[in-house]
Amino acid sequence: MVLKNEDIRELFAEIPEGHKHLRITMLLEDGREFTFQEATMANLVRAYITVKTHPAITRVKLKGGRIGNRKEGYAEWQLVEANHEGVLRA
């Protein structure tokens, strides 16, 4: 699925009442609705910025997995950088 700007009717960024973290909700023209948690959007932005600003990296792969030994306050499930084989510009 490729989402274009014209596919999105509305986009909301908010911290819902009773929550501490940002949520992004996209309402599509076809009626579908997608809500992304803050950590998901942070990973998307991190990957975007890496590819957009790095002089040699053309692709970033983040892979999900459970992290047993993690910093306090961090979720057990994380998206972490996977092998970047073949992604640097020549």
C-alpha atoms as a PDB file:
ATOM      1  CA  MET A   1       0.000   0.000   0.000  1.00  0.00           C
ATOM      2  CA  VAL A   2       1.264   3.442  -0.918  1.00  0.00           C
ATOM      3  CA  LEU A   3      -0.423   6.389   0.780  1.00  0.00           C
ATOM      4  CA  LYS A   4      -0.380   9.683  -1.059  1.00  0.00           C
ATOM      5  CA  ASN A   5      -1.287  13.056   0.432  1.00  0.00           C
ATOM      6  CA  GLU A   6      -4.574  13.013  -1.481  1.00  0.00           C
ATOM      7  CA  ASP A   7      -5.480   9.691   0.198  1.00  0.00           C
ATOM      8  CA  ILE A   8      -5.531  11.370   3.618  1.00  0.00           C
ATOM      9  CA  ARG A   9      -8.676  13.285   4.599  1.00  0.00           C
ATOM     10  CA  GLU A  10      -7.434  14.333   8.048  1.00  0.00           C
ATOM     11  CA  LEU A  11      -4.455  13.766  10.305  1.00  0.00           C
ATOM     12  CA  PHE A  12      -4.507  14.319  14.067  1.00  0.00           C
ATOM     13  CA  ALA A  13      -1.513  14.482  16.387  1.00  0.00           C
ATOM     14  CA  GLU A  14      -2.533  14.472  20.035  1.00  0.00           C
ATOM     15  CA  ILE A  15      -1.864  13.184  23.499  1.00  0.00           C
ATOM     16  CA  PRO A  16      -5.178  11.554  24.395  1.00  0.00           C
ATOM     17  CA  GLU A  17      -6.696  12.312  27.769  1.00  0.00           C
ATOM     18  CA  GLY A  18      -5.297   9.968  30.404  1.00  0.00           C
ATOM     19  CA  HIS A  19      -2.215   9.131  28.307  1.00  0.00           C
ATOM     20  CA  LYS A  20       1.369  10.404  28.368  1.00  0.00           C
ATOM     21  CA  HIS A  21       2.432   9.678  24.805  1.00  0.00           C
ATOM     22  CA  LEU A  22       1.600  11.150  21.422  1.00  0.00           C
ATOM     23  CA  ARG A  23      -0.745   9.379  19.022  1.00  0.00           C
ATOM     24  CA  ILE A  24      -1.053  10.121  15.308  1.00  0.00           C
ATOM     25  CA  THR A  25      -4.359   9.228  13.636  1.00  0.00           C
ATOM     26  CA  MET A  26      -4.876   9.338   9.888  1.00  0.00           C
ATOM     27  CA  LEU A  27      -8.375   9.263   8.449  1.00  0.00           C
ATOM     28  CA  LEU A  28      -8.278   8.144   4.839  1.00  0.00           C
ATOM     29  CA  GLU A  29     -10.631   9.225   2.073  1.00  0.00           C
ATOM     30  CA  ASP A  30     -11.948   5.640   1.806  1.00  0.00           C
ATOM     31  CA  GLY A  31     -13.023   5.672   5.476  1.00  0.00           C
ATOM     32  CA  ARG A  32     -10.153   3.650   6.925  1.00  0.00           C
ATOM     33  CA  GLU A  33      -8.490   4.971  10.056  1.00  0.00           C
ATOM     34  CA  PHE A  34      -4.954   4.279  11.265  1.00  0.00           C
ATOM     35  CA  THR A  35      -3.601   5.258  14.683  1.00  0.00           C
ATOM     36  CA  PHE A  36       0.126   5.129  15.377  1.00  0.00           C
ATOM     37  CA  GLN A  37       1.699   5.163  18.813  1.00  0.00           C
ATOM     38  CA  GLU A  38       4.510   7.598  19.582  1.00  0.00           C
ATOM     39  CA  ALA A  39       7.241   4.937  19.489  1.00  0.00           C
ATOM     40  CA  THR A  40       6.111   3.822  16.032  1.00  0.00           C
ATOM     41  CA  MET A  41       6.215   7.364  14.673  1.00  0.00           C
ATOM     42  CA  ALA A  42       9.580   8.012  16.338  1.00  0.00           C
ATOM     43  CA  ASN A  43      11.042   4.989  14.547  1.00  0.00           C
ATOM     44  CA  LEU A  44       9.569   6.071  11.230  1.00  0.00           C
ATOM     45  CA  VAL A  45      11.019   9.568  11.680  1.00  0.00           C
ATOM     46  CA  ARG A  46      14.402   8.146  12.759  1.00  0.00           C
ATOM     47  CA  ALA A  47      14.595   5.988   9.619  1.00  0.00           C
ATOM     48  CA  TYR A  48      13.428   8.862   7.406  1.00  0.00           C
ATOM     49  CA  ILE A  49      15.997  11.303   8.788  1.00  0.00           C
ATOM     50  CA  THR A  50      18.812   8.757   8.488  1.00  0.00           C
ATOM     51  CA  VAL A  51      18.138   8.068   4.809  1.00  0.00           C
ATOM     52  CA  LYS A  52      17.307  11.677   3.933  1.00  0.00           C
ATOM     53  CA  THR A  53      20.360  13.257   5.577  1.00  0.00           C
ATOM     54  CA  HIS A  54      23.137  10.642   5.427  1.00  0.00           C
ATOM     55  CA  PRO A  55      25.475  11.121   2.467  1.00  0.00           C
ATOM     56  CA  ALA A  56      25.887   7.383   1.824  1.00  0.00           C
ATOM     57  CA  ILE A  57      22.931   5.478   3.291  1.00  0.00           C
ATOM     58  CA  THR A  58      20.058   4.832   0.865  1.00  0.00           C
ATOM     59  CA  ARG A  59      18.072   2.324   2.926  1.00  0.00           C
ATOM     60  CA  VAL A  60      17.417   1.603   6.585  1.00  0.00           C
ATOM     61  CA  LYS A  61      15.869  -1.606   7.863  1.00  0.00           C
ATOM     62  CA  LEU A  62      14.383  -1.707  11.357  1.00  0.00           C
ATOM     63  CA  LYS A  63      13.373  -5.085  12.703  1.00  0.00           C
ATOM     64  CA  GLY A  64      11.029  -5.725  15.613  1.00  0.00           C
ATOM     65  CA  GLY A  65      11.920  -7.887  18.564  1.00  0.00           C
ATOM     66  CA  ARG A  66      11.748  -8.274  22.296  1.00  0.00           C
ATOM     67  CA  ILE A  67      14.556  -6.629  24.227  1.00  0.00           C
ATOM     68  CA  GLY A  68      15.149  -8.285  27.580  1.00  0.00           C
ATOM     69  CA  ASN A  69      17.909  -6.055  28.933  1.00  0.00           C
ATOM     70  CA  ARG A  70      16.605  -2.533  28.293  1.00  0.00           C
ATOM     71  CA  LYS A  71      16.665   0.912  29.870  1.00  0.00           C
ATOM     72  CA  GLU A  72      14.069   1.668  32.515  1.00  0.00           C
ATOM     73  CA  GLY A  73      10.867   3.035  31.022  1.00  0.00           C
ATOM     74  CA  TYR A  74      11.437   1.492  27.591  1.00  0.00           C
ATOM     75  CA  ALA A  75       9.000  -1.015  26.119  1.00  0.00           C
ATOM     76  CA  GLU A  76      10.008  -4.648  25.805  1.00  0.00           C
ATOM     77  CA  TRP A  77       9.201  -4.653  22.050  1.00  0.00           C
ATOM     78  CA  GLN A  78      11.542  -2.422  20.048  1.00  0.00           C
ATOM     79  CA  LEU A  79      12.382  -1.723  16.417  1.00  0.00           C
ATOM     80  CA  VAL A  80      16.158  -1.853  16.058  1.00  0.00           C
ATOM     81  CA  GLU A  81      18.505  -1.455  13.127  1.00  0.00           C
ATOM     82  CA  ALA A  82      18.936  -4.661  11.160  1.00  0.00           C
ATOM     83  CA  ASN A  83      21.782  -5.524   8.808  1.00  0.00           C
ATOM     84  CA  HIS A  84      22.454  -2.650   6.386  1.00  0.00           C
ATOM     85  CA  GLU A  85      24.076  -4.924   3.816  1.00  0.00           C
ATOM     86  CA  GLY A  86      24.252  -3.279   0.399  1.00  0.00           C
ATOM     87  CA  VAL A  87      22.671   0.005   1.401  1.00  0.00           C
ATOM     88  CA  LEU A  88      25.609   2.385   1.156  1.00  0.00           C
ATOM     89  CA  ARG A  89      26.078   4.444  -1.987  1.00  0.00           C
ATOM     90  CA  ALA A  90      29.190   3.627  -3.973  1.00  0.00           C
END
